[in-house]
Amino acid sequence: MWYGVFLWALVSSLSFHVPAGLLALFTLRHHKYGRFMSVTILLMGIVGPISAGTLTSAAIAGVYRAAGKEMTPFEALILGVGQTFCVVVVSYLRILATL
């Protein structure tokens, strides 16, 4: 059950971070240190869902198991994409707070 939520969180996270990393690589390719920012964006697109996504997916699956409910694939999609959406919103708001 947790695996479906985890996979959707990973796929949706990569769908946000890969274009952002490629855009950063394209725009900062001549910068001395800026080109390495694209690598960190890509790494966070993979490391974030693997570490935090695994824990939150397991917690969601635990709640479903404790409630005795079955999870449909569509619910796994909504919960996985919802995790990524929450991460993107929090990341965006933290950037605005520093301006």
PDB file of N, CA and C in Angstrom:
ATOM      1  N   MET A   1       0.820  -1.188   0.000  1.00  0.00           N
ATOM      2  CA  MET A   1       0.000   0.000   0.000  1.00  0.00           C
ATOM      3  C   MET A   1       0.870   1.259   0.000  1.00  0.00           C
ATOM      4  N   TRP A   2       1.906   1.281   0.838  1.00  0.00           N
ATOM      5  CA  TRP A   2       2.769   2.460   0.895  1.00  0.00           C
ATOM      6  C   TRP A   2       3.584   2.610  -0.373  1.00  0.00           C
ATOM      7  N   TYR A   3       3.834   1.498  -1.042  1.00  0.00           N
ATOM      8  CA  TYR A   3       4.681   1.533  -2.228  1.00  0.00           C
ATOM      9  C   TYR A   3       4.026   2.327  -3.355  1.00  0.00           C
ATOM     10  N   GLY A   4       2.707   2.201  -3.515  1.00  0.00           N
ATOM     11  CA  GLY A   4       2.004   2.957  -4.555  1.00  0.00           C
ATOM     12  C   GLY A   4       2.069   4.453  -4.298  1.00  0.00           C
ATOM     13  N   VAL A   5       1.857   4.859  -3.055  1.00  0.00           N
ATOM     14  CA  VAL A   5       1.935   6.281  -2.709  1.00  0.00           C
ATOM     15  C   VAL A   5       3.363   6.774  -2.910  1.00  0.00           C
ATOM     16  N   PHE A   6       4.337   5.979  -2.493  1.00  0.00           N
ATOM     17  CA  PHE A   6       5.738   6.350  -2.640  1.00  0.00           C
ATOM     18  C   PHE A   6       6.115   6.526  -4.104  1.00  0.00           C
ATOM     19  N   LEU A   7       5.700   5.602  -4.962  1.00  0.00           N
ATOM     20  CA  LEU A   7       6.047   5.713  -6.382  1.00  0.00           C
ATOM     21  C   LEU A   7       5.425   6.945  -7.024  1.00  0.00           C
ATOM     22  N   TRP A   8       4.179   7.251  -6.684  1.00  0.00           N
ATOM     23  CA  TRP A   8       3.566   8.446  -7.244  1.00  0.00           C
ATOM     24  C   TRP A   8       4.239   9.707  -6.721  1.00  0.00           C
ATOM     25  N   ALA A   9       4.651   9.712  -5.473  1.00  0.00           N
ATOM     26  CA  ALA A   9       5.367  10.872  -4.929  1.00  0.00           C
ATOM     27  C   ALA A   9       6.712  11.036  -5.634  1.00  0.00           C
ATOM     28  N   LEU A  10       7.402   9.942  -5.894  1.00  0.00           N
ATOM     29  CA  LEU A  10       8.691  10.009  -6.575  1.00  0.00           C
ATOM     30  C   LEU A  10       8.532  10.486  -8.010  1.00  0.00           C
ATOM     31  N   VAL A  11       7.571   9.937  -8.734  1.00  0.00           N
ATOM     32  CA  VAL A  11       7.364  10.321 -10.129  1.00  0.00           C
ATOM     33  C   VAL A  11       6.939  11.779 -10.237  1.00  0.00           C
ATOM     34  N   SER A  12       6.026  12.204  -9.387  1.00  0.00           N
ATOM     35  CA  SER A  12       5.580  13.593  -9.463  1.00  0.00           C
ATOM     36  C   SER A  12       6.679  14.560  -9.023  1.00  0.00           C
ATOM     37  N   SER A  13       7.495  14.163  -8.069  1.00  0.00           N
ATOM     38  CA  SER A  13       8.615  15.002  -7.659  1.00  0.00           C
ATOM     39  C   SER A  13       9.630  15.142  -8.787  1.00  0.00           C
ATOM     40  N   LEU A  14       9.910  14.050  -9.461  1.00  0.00           N
ATOM     41  CA  LEU A  14      10.839  14.129 -10.589  1.00  0.00           C
ATOM     42  C   LEU A  14      10.270  14.960 -11.729  1.00  0.00           C
ATOM     43  N   SER A  15       8.950  14.928 -11.896  1.00  0.00           N
ATOM     44  CA  SER A  15       8.360  15.728 -12.966  1.00  0.00           C
ATOM     45  C   SER A  15       8.461  17.229 -12.675  1.00  0.00           C
ATOM     46  N   PHE A  16       8.603  17.618 -11.416  1.00  0.00           N
ATOM     47  CA  PHE A  16       8.845  19.021 -11.075  1.00  0.00           C
ATOM     48  C   PHE A  16      10.331  19.361 -11.098  1.00  0.00           C
ATOM     49  N   HIS A  17      11.168  18.473 -10.559  1.00  0.00           N
ATOM     50  CA  HIS A  17      12.567  18.806 -10.364  1.00  0.00           C
ATOM     51  C   HIS A  17      13.428  18.649 -11.613  1.00  0.00           C
ATOM     52  N   VAL A  18      13.106  17.721 -12.485  1.00  0.00           N
ATOM     53  CA  VAL A  18      13.920  17.550 -13.696  1.00  0.00           C
ATOM     54  C   VAL A  18      13.824  18.781 -14.599  1.00  0.00           C
ATOM     55  N   PRO A  19      12.632  19.308 -14.911  1.00  0.00           N
ATOM     56  CA  PRO A  19      12.611  20.537 -15.719  1.00  0.00           C
ATOM     57  C   PRO A  19      13.274  21.726 -15.020  1.00  0.00           C
ATOM     58  N   ALA A  20      13.101  21.829 -13.695  1.00  0.00           N
ATOM     59  CA  ALA A  20      13.741  22.922 -12.967  1.00  0.00           C
ATOM     60  C   ALA A  20      15.260  22.786 -13.004  1.00  0.00           C
ATOM     61  N   GLY A  21      15.768  21.570 -12.856  1.00  0.00           N
ATOM     62  CA  GLY A  21      17.213  21.349 -12.929  1.00  0.00           C
ATOM     63  C   GLY A  21      17.767  21.619 -14.308  1.00  0.00           C
ATOM     64  N   LEU A  22      17.035  21.216 -15.339  1.00  0.00           N
ATOM     65  CA  LEU A  22      17.487  21.483 -16.712  1.00  0.00           C
ATOM     66  C   LEU A  22      17.454  22.978 -17.023  1.00  0.00           C
ATOM     67  N   LEU A  23      16.437  23.675 -16.538  1.00  0.00           N
ATOM     68  CA  LEU A  23      16.372  25.125 -16.723  1.00  0.00           C
ATOM     69  C   LEU A  23      17.529  25.815 -16.007  1.00  0.00           C
ATOM     70  N   ALA A  24      17.827  25.380 -14.784  1.00  0.00           N
ATOM     71  CA  ALA A  24      18.958  25.954 -14.044  1.00  0.00           C
ATOM     72  C   ALA A  24      20.277  25.656 -14.754  1.00  0.00           C
ATOM     73  N   LEU A  25      20.414  24.452 -15.278  1.00  0.00           N
ATOM     74  CA  LEU A  25      21.645  24.103 -16.004  1.00  0.00           C
ATOM     75  C   LEU A  25      21.788  24.956 -17.257  1.00  0.00           C
ATOM     76  N   PHE A  26      20.691  25.172 -17.964  1.00  0.00           N
ATOM     77  CA  PHE A  26      20.744  25.963 -19.191  1.00  0.00           C
ATOM     78  C   PHE A  26      21.051  27.429 -18.908  1.00  0.00           C
ATOM     79  N   THR A  27      20.426  28.002 -17.893  1.00  0.00           N
ATOM     80  CA  THR A  27      20.616  29.425 -17.626  1.00  0.00           C
ATOM     81  C   THR A  27      21.921  29.730 -16.880  1.00  0.00           C
ATOM     82  N   LEU A  28      22.423  28.785 -16.121  1.00  0.00           N
ATOM     83  CA  LEU A  28      23.644  29.029 -15.337  1.00  0.00           C
ATOM     84  C   LEU A  28      24.859  28.281 -15.865  1.00  0.00           C
ATOM     85  N   ARG A  29      24.839  27.884 -17.111  1.00  0.00           N
ATOM     86  CA  ARG A  29      25.925  27.049 -17.635  1.00  0.00           C
ATOM     87  C   ARG A  29      27.264  27.781 -17.705  1.00  0.00           C
ATOM     88  N   HIS A  30      27.259  29.104 -17.785  1.00  0.00           N
ATOM     89  CA  HIS A  30      28.514  29.852 -17.872  1.00  0.00           C
ATOM     90  C   HIS A  30      28.975  30.383 -16.518  1.00  0.00           C
ATOM     91  N   HIS A  31      28.156  30.230 -15.508  1.00  0.00           N
ATOM     92  CA  HIS A  31      28.504  30.720 -14.183  1.00  0.00           C
ATOM     93  C   HIS A  31      29.505  29.772 -13.527  1.00  0.00           C
ATOM     94  N   LYS A  32      30.429  30.348 -12.764  1.00  0.00           N
ATOM     95  CA  LYS A  32      31.492  29.546 -12.172  1.00  0.00           C
ATOM     96  C   LYS A  32      30.966  28.506 -11.184  1.00  0.00           C
ATOM     97  N   TYR A  33      30.084  28.913 -10.292  1.00  0.00           N
ATOM     98  CA  TYR A  33      29.555  27.999  -9.285  1.00  0.00           C
ATOM     99  C   TYR A  33      28.071  27.687  -9.488  1.00  0.00           C
ATOM    100  N   GLY A  34      27.377  28.514 -10.238  1.00  0.00           N
ATOM    101  CA  GLY A  34      25.944  28.356 -10.417  1.00  0.00           C
ATOM    102  C   GLY A  34      25.538  27.084 -11.124  1.00  0.00           C
ATOM    103  N   ARG A  35      26.406  26.570 -11.975  1.00  0.00           N
ATOM    104  CA  ARG A  35      26.043  25.345 -12.710  1.00  0.00           C
ATOM    105  C   ARG A  35      25.867  24.144 -11.785  1.00  0.00           C
ATOM    106  N   PHE A  36      26.456  24.207 -10.604  1.00  0.00           N
ATOM    107  CA  PHE A  36      26.310  23.102  -9.666  1.00  0.00           C
ATOM    108  C   PHE A  36      24.963  23.131  -8.944  1.00  0.00           C
ATOM    109  N   MET A  37      24.264  24.251  -9.015  1.00  0.00           N
ATOM    110  CA  MET A  37      22.934  24.339  -8.408  1.00  0.00           C
ATOM    111  C   MET A  37      21.958  23.395  -9.103  1.00  0.00           C
ATOM    112  N   SER A  38      22.139  23.208 -10.396  1.00  0.00           N
ATOM    113  CA  SER A  38      21.244  22.295 -11.112  1.00  0.00           C
ATOM    114  C   SER A  38      21.422  20.867 -10.619  1.00  0.00           C
ATOM    115  N   VAL A  39      22.627  20.510 -10.258  1.00  0.00           N
ATOM    116  CA  VAL A  39      22.873  19.169  -9.720  1.00  0.00           C
ATOM    117  C   VAL A  39      22.174  19.009  -8.370  1.00  0.00           C
ATOM    118  N   THR A  40      22.217  20.035  -7.543  1.00  0.00           N
ATOM    119  CA  THR A  40      21.551  19.936  -6.246  1.00  0.00           C
ATOM    120  C   THR A  40      20.034  19.894  -6.400  1.00  0.00           C
ATOM    121  N   ILE A  41      19.498  20.607  -7.391  1.00  0.00           N
ATOM    122  CA  ILE A  41      18.054  20.554  -7.641  1.00  0.00           C
ATOM    123  C   ILE A  41      17.654  19.147  -8.047  1.00  0.00           C
ATOM    124  N   LEU A  42      18.429  18.531  -8.928  1.00  0.00           N
ATOM    125  CA  LEU A  42      18.134  17.163  -9.350  1.00  0.00           C
ATOM    126  C   LEU A  42      18.282  16.170  -8.203  1.00  0.00           C
ATOM    127  N   LEU A  43      19.296  16.345  -7.372  1.00  0.00           N
ATOM    128  CA  LEU A  43      19.477  15.454  -6.224  1.00  0.00           C
ATOM    129  C   LEU A  43      18.334  15.579  -5.228  1.00  0.00           C
ATOM    130  N   MET A  44      17.854  16.793  -4.997  1.00  0.00           N
ATOM    131  CA  MET A  44      16.732  16.962  -4.077  1.00  0.00           C
ATOM    132  C   MET A  44      15.450  16.378  -4.640  1.00  0.00           C
ATOM    133  N   GLY A  45      15.348  16.314  -5.964  1.00  0.00           N
ATOM    134  CA  GLY A  45      14.190  15.684  -6.578  1.00  0.00           C
ATOM    135  C   GLY A  45      14.175  14.182  -6.378  1.00  0.00           C
ATOM    136  N   ILE A  46      15.336  13.610  -6.084  1.00  0.00           N
ATOM    137  CA  ILE A  46      15.431  12.166  -5.867  1.00  0.00           C
ATOM    138  C   ILE A  46      15.546  11.840  -4.375  1.00  0.00           C
ATOM    139  N   VAL A  47      16.413  12.555  -3.672  1.00  0.00           N
ATOM    140  CA  VAL A  47      16.680  12.254  -2.259  1.00  0.00           C
ATOM    141  C   VAL A  47      15.483  12.588  -1.371  1.00  0.00           C
ATOM    142  N   GLY A  48      14.797  13.680  -1.657  1.00  0.00           N
ATOM    143  CA  GLY A  48      13.644  14.083  -0.845  1.00  0.00           C
ATOM    144  C   GLY A  48      12.548  13.038  -0.802  1.00  0.00           C
ATOM    145  N   PRO A  49      12.065  12.586  -1.968  1.00  0.00           N
ATOM    146  CA  PRO A  49      11.021  11.560  -1.928  1.00  0.00           C
ATOM    147  C   PRO A  49      11.501  10.222  -1.373  1.00  0.00           C
ATOM    148  N   ILE A  50      12.772   9.910  -1.566  1.00  0.00           N
ATOM    149  CA  ILE A  50      13.260   8.627  -1.045  1.00  0.00           C
ATOM    150  C   ILE A  50      13.313   8.656   0.480  1.00  0.00           C
ATOM    151  N   SER A  51      13.748   9.765   1.054  1.00  0.00           N
ATOM    152  CA  SER A  51      13.851   9.812   2.518  1.00  0.00           C
ATOM    153  C   SER A  51      12.520  10.197   3.165  1.00  0.00           C
ATOM    154  N   ALA A  52      12.042  11.395   2.927  1.00  0.00           N
ATOM    155  CA  ALA A  52      10.811  11.849   3.570  1.00  0.00           C
ATOM    156  C   ALA A  52       9.572  11.206   2.965  1.00  0.00           C
ATOM    157  N   GLY A  53       9.599  10.965   1.669  1.00  0.00           N
ATOM    158  CA  GLY A  53       8.447  10.348   1.007  1.00  0.00           C
ATOM    159  C   GLY A  53       8.184   8.936   1.487  1.00  0.00           C
ATOM    160  N   THR A  54       9.233   8.215   1.789  1.00  0.00           N
ATOM    161  CA  THR A  54       9.066   6.860   2.314  1.00  0.00           C
ATOM    162  C   THR A  54       8.375   6.893   3.676  1.00  0.00           C
ATOM    163  N   LEU A  55       8.809   7.804   4.529  1.00  0.00           N
ATOM    164  CA  LEU A  55       8.222   7.892   5.873  1.00  0.00           C
ATOM    165  C   LEU A  55       6.766   8.334   5.831  1.00  0.00           C
ATOM    166  N   THR A  56       6.465   9.351   5.044  1.00  0.00           N
ATOM    167  CA  THR A  56       5.086   9.823   4.991  1.00  0.00           C
ATOM    168  C   THR A  56       4.176   8.822   4.290  1.00  0.00           C
ATOM    169  N   SER A  57       4.683   8.133   3.283  1.00  0.00           N
ATOM    170  CA  SER A  57       3.885   7.102   2.619  1.00  0.00           C
ATOM    171  C   SER A  57       3.585   5.946   3.566  1.00  0.00           C
ATOM    172  N   ALA A  58       4.572   5.580   4.366  1.00  0.00           N
ATOM    173  CA  ALA A  58       4.351   4.521   5.351  1.00  0.00           C
ATOM    174  C   ALA A  58       3.357   4.962   6.417  1.00  0.00           C
ATOM    175  N   ALA A  59       3.398   6.221   6.810  1.00  0.00           N
ATOM    176  CA  ALA A  59       2.446   6.726   7.799  1.00  0.00           C
ATOM    177  C   ALA A  59       1.022   6.720   7.241  1.00  0.00           C
ATOM    178  N   ILE A  60       0.874   7.126   5.992  1.00  0.00           N
ATOM    179  CA  ILE A  60      -0.447   7.110   5.361  1.00  0.00           C
ATOM    180  C   ILE A  60      -0.967   5.678   5.246  1.00  0.00           C
ATOM    181  N   ALA A  61      -0.086   4.773   4.833  1.00  0.00           N
ATOM    182  CA  ALA A  61      -0.488   3.368   4.720  1.00  0.00           C
ATOM    183  C   ALA A  61      -0.842   2.788   6.086  1.00  0.00           C
ATOM    184  N   GLY A  62      -0.131   3.217   7.122  1.00  0.00           N
ATOM    185  CA  GLY A  62      -0.443   2.752   8.473  1.00  0.00           C
ATOM    186  C   GLY A  62      -1.818   3.200   8.929  1.00  0.00           C
ATOM    187  N   VAL A  63      -2.196   4.412   8.597  1.00  0.00           N
ATOM    188  CA  VAL A  63      -3.528   4.903   8.948  1.00  0.00           C
ATOM    189  C   VAL A  63      -4.595   4.112   8.196  1.00  0.00           C
ATOM    190  N   TYR A  64      -4.355   3.866   6.917  1.00  0.00           N
ATOM    191  CA  TYR A  64      -5.308   3.066   6.138  1.00  0.00           C
ATOM    192  C   TYR A  64      -5.425   1.652   6.704  1.00  0.00           C
ATOM    193  N   ARG A  65      -4.307   1.058   7.076  1.00  0.00           N
ATOM    194  CA  ARG A  65      -4.317  -0.298   7.624  1.00  0.00           C
ATOM    195  C   ARG A  65      -5.041  -0.338   8.961  1.00  0.00           C
ATOM    196  N   ALA A  66      -4.783   0.660   9.819  1.00  0.00           N
ATOM    197  CA  ALA A  66      -5.436   0.705  11.127  1.00  0.00           C
ATOM    198  C   ALA A  66      -6.947   0.913  10.986  1.00  0.00           C
ATOM    199  N   ALA A  67      -7.352   1.632   9.946  1.00  0.00           N
ATOM    200  CA  ALA A  67      -8.778   1.861   9.725  1.00  0.00           C
ATOM    201  C   ALA A  67      -9.439   0.682   9.027  1.00  0.00           C
ATOM    202  N   GLY A  68      -8.629  -0.258   8.550  1.00  0.00           N
ATOM    203  CA  GLY A  68      -9.161  -1.421   7.864  1.00  0.00           C
ATOM    204  C   GLY A  68      -9.675  -1.107   6.467  1.00  0.00           C
ATOM    205  N   LYS A  69      -9.143  -0.054   5.869  1.00  0.00           N
ATOM    206  CA  LYS A  69      -9.561   0.383   4.546  1.00  0.00           C
ATOM    207  C   LYS A  69      -8.596  -0.113   3.486  1.00  0.00           C
ATOM    208  N   GLU A  70      -9.102  -0.361   2.301  1.00  0.00           N
ATOM    209  CA  GLU A  70      -8.259  -0.681   1.150  1.00  0.00           C
ATOM    210  C   GLU A  70      -7.987   0.607   0.381  1.00  0.00           C
ATOM    211  N   MET A  71      -6.802   0.693  -0.201  1.00  0.00           N
ATOM    212  CA  MET A  71      -6.440   1.879  -0.961  1.00  0.00           C
ATOM    213  C   MET A  71      -6.523   1.559  -2.453  1.00  0.00           C
ATOM    214  N   THR A  72      -7.291   2.356  -3.170  1.00  0.00           N
ATOM    215  CA  THR A  72      -7.375   2.186  -4.625  1.00  0.00           C
ATOM    216  C   THR A  72      -6.167   2.869  -5.269  1.00  0.00           C
ATOM    217  N   PRO A  73      -5.814   2.482  -6.489  1.00  0.00           N
ATOM    218  CA  PRO A  73      -4.695   3.148  -7.167  1.00  0.00           C
ATOM    219  C   PRO A  73      -4.909   4.651  -7.358  1.00  0.00           C
ATOM    220  N   PHE A  74      -6.163   5.067  -7.554  1.00  0.00           N
ATOM    221  CA  PHE A  74      -6.420   6.501  -7.708  1.00  0.00           C
ATOM    222  C   PHE A  74      -6.143   7.256  -6.412  1.00  0.00           C
ATOM    223  N   GLU A  75      -6.469   6.647  -5.273  1.00  0.00           N
ATOM    224  CA  GLU A  75      -6.158   7.275  -3.985  1.00  0.00           C
ATOM    225  C   GLU A  75      -4.654   7.382  -3.788  1.00  0.00           C
ATOM    226  N   ALA A  76      -3.915   6.358  -4.209  1.00  0.00           N
ATOM    227  CA  ALA A  76      -2.455   6.415  -4.120  1.00  0.00           C
ATOM    228  C   ALA A  76      -1.918   7.541  -4.992  1.00  0.00           C
ATOM    229  N   LEU A  77      -2.496   7.728  -6.172  1.00  0.00           N
ATOM    230  CA  LEU A  77      -2.091   8.822  -7.060  1.00  0.00           C
ATOM    231  C   LEU A  77      -2.336  10.169  -6.395  1.00  0.00           C
ATOM    232  N   ILE A  78      -3.522  10.355  -5.855  1.00  0.00           N
ATOM    233  CA  ILE A  78      -3.870  11.636  -5.225  1.00  0.00           C
ATOM    234  C   ILE A  78      -2.971  11.913  -4.026  1.00  0.00           C
ATOM    235  N   LEU A  79      -2.715  10.911  -3.209  1.00  0.00           N
ATOM    236  CA  LEU A  79      -1.887  11.110  -2.015  1.00  0.00           C
ATOM    237  C   LEU A  79      -0.421  11.355  -2.384  1.00  0.00           C
ATOM    238  N   GLY A  80       0.100  10.646  -3.385  1.00  0.00           N
ATOM    239  CA  GLY A  80       1.489  10.850  -3.807  1.00  0.00           C
ATOM    240  C   GLY A  80       1.710  12.209  -4.438  1.00  0.00           C
ATOM    241  N   VAL A  81       0.814  12.604  -5.323  1.00  0.00           N
ATOM    242  CA  VAL A  81       0.922  13.927  -5.951  1.00  0.00           C
ATOM    243  C   VAL A  81       0.660  15.014  -4.911  1.00  0.00           C
ATOM    244  N   GLY A  82      -0.209  14.742  -3.962  1.00  0.00           N
ATOM    245  CA  GLY A  82      -0.458  15.699  -2.883  1.00  0.00           C
ATOM    246  C   GLY A  82       0.765  15.951  -2.032  1.00  0.00           C
ATOM    247  N   GLN A  83       1.545  14.912  -1.779  1.00  0.00           N
ATOM    248  CA  GLN A  83       2.792  15.089  -1.038  1.00  0.00           C
ATOM    249  C   GLN A  83       3.733  16.021  -1.797  1.00  0.00           C
ATOM    250  N   THR A  84       3.871  15.793  -3.086  1.00  0.00           N
ATOM    251  CA  THR A  84       4.751  16.637  -3.894  1.00  0.00           C
ATOM    252  C   THR A  84       4.229  18.064  -3.952  1.00  0.00           C
ATOM    253  N   PHE A  85       2.910  18.220  -4.087  1.00  0.00           N
ATOM    254  CA  PHE A  85       2.326  19.553  -4.119  1.00  0.00           C
ATOM    255  C   PHE A  85       2.624  20.304  -2.822  1.00  0.00           C
ATOM    256  N   CYS A  86       2.507  19.632  -1.690  1.00  0.00           N
ATOM    257  CA  CYS A  86       2.809  20.268  -0.405  1.00  0.00           C
ATOM    258  C   CYS A  86       4.277  20.680  -0.322  1.00  0.00           C
ATOM    259  N   VAL A  87       5.170  19.849  -0.804  1.00  0.00           N
ATOM    260  CA  VAL A  87       6.599  20.181  -0.793  1.00  0.00           C
ATOM    261  C   VAL A  87       6.874  21.378  -1.689  1.00  0.00           C
ATOM    262  N   VAL A  88       6.263  21.421  -2.859  1.00  0.00           N
ATOM    263  CA  VAL A  88       6.468  22.541  -3.782  1.00  0.00           C
ATOM    264  C   VAL A  88       5.923  23.839  -3.180  1.00  0.00           C
ATOM    265  N   VAL A  89       4.760  23.794  -2.567  1.00  0.00           N
ATOM    266  CA  VAL A  89       4.182  24.995  -1.959  1.00  0.00           C
ATOM    267  C   VAL A  89       5.055  25.500  -0.818  1.00  0.00           C
ATOM    268  N   VAL A  90       5.489  24.609   0.055  1.00  0.00           N
ATOM    269  CA  VAL A  90       6.338  25.019   1.173  1.00  0.00           C
ATOM    270  C   VAL A  90       7.671  25.560   0.666  1.00  0.00           C
ATOM    271  N   SER A  91       8.257  24.939  -0.335  1.00  0.00           N
ATOM    272  CA  SER A  91       9.514  25.423  -0.902  1.00  0.00           C
ATOM    273  C   SER A  91       9.342  26.810  -1.504  1.00  0.00           C
ATOM    274  N   TYR A  92       8.254  27.017  -2.220  1.00  0.00           N
ATOM    275  CA  TYR A  92       7.999  28.315  -2.841  1.00  0.00           C
ATOM    276  C   TYR A  92       7.786  29.379  -1.778  1.00  0.00           C
ATOM    277  N   LEU A  93       7.046  29.076  -0.729  1.00  0.00           N
ATOM    278  CA  LEU A  93       6.801  30.062   0.306  1.00  0.00           C
ATOM    279  C   LEU A  93       8.061  30.389   1.103  1.00  0.00           C
ATOM    280  N   ARG A  94       8.951  29.432   1.258  1.00  0.00           N
ATOM    281  CA  ARG A  94      10.204  29.708   1.962  1.00  0.00           C
ATOM    282  C   ARG A  94      11.081  30.625   1.135  1.00  0.00           C
ATOM    283  N   ILE A  95      11.057  30.504  -0.179  1.00  0.00           N
ATOM    284  CA  ILE A  95      11.836  31.400  -1.032  1.00  0.00           C
ATOM    285  C   ILE A  95      11.282  32.818  -0.930  1.00  0.00           C
ATOM    286  N   LEU A  96       9.949  32.959  -0.952  1.00  0.00           N
ATOM    287  CA  LEU A  96       9.357  34.284  -0.836  1.00  0.00           C
ATOM    288  C   LEU A  96       9.663  34.932   0.502  1.00  0.00           C
ATOM    289  N   ALA A  97       9.802  34.157   1.543  1.00  0.00           N
ATOM    290  CA  ALA A  97      10.077  34.711   2.871  1.00  0.00           C
ATOM    291  C   ALA A  97      11.479  35.320   2.946  1.00  0.00           C
ATOM    292  N   THR A  98      12.391  34.870   2.084  1.00  0.00           N
ATOM    293  CA  THR A  98      13.752  35.399   2.124  1.00  0.00           C
ATOM    294  C   THR A  98      13.926  36.659   1.292  1.00  0.00           C
ATOM    295  N   LEU A  99      12.918  37.012   0.493  1.00  0.00           N
ATOM    296  CA  LEU A  99      13.056  38.199  -0.367  1.00  0.00           C
ATOM    297  C   LEU A  99      12.877  39.490   0.386  1.00  0.00           C
TER     298      LEU A  99
END
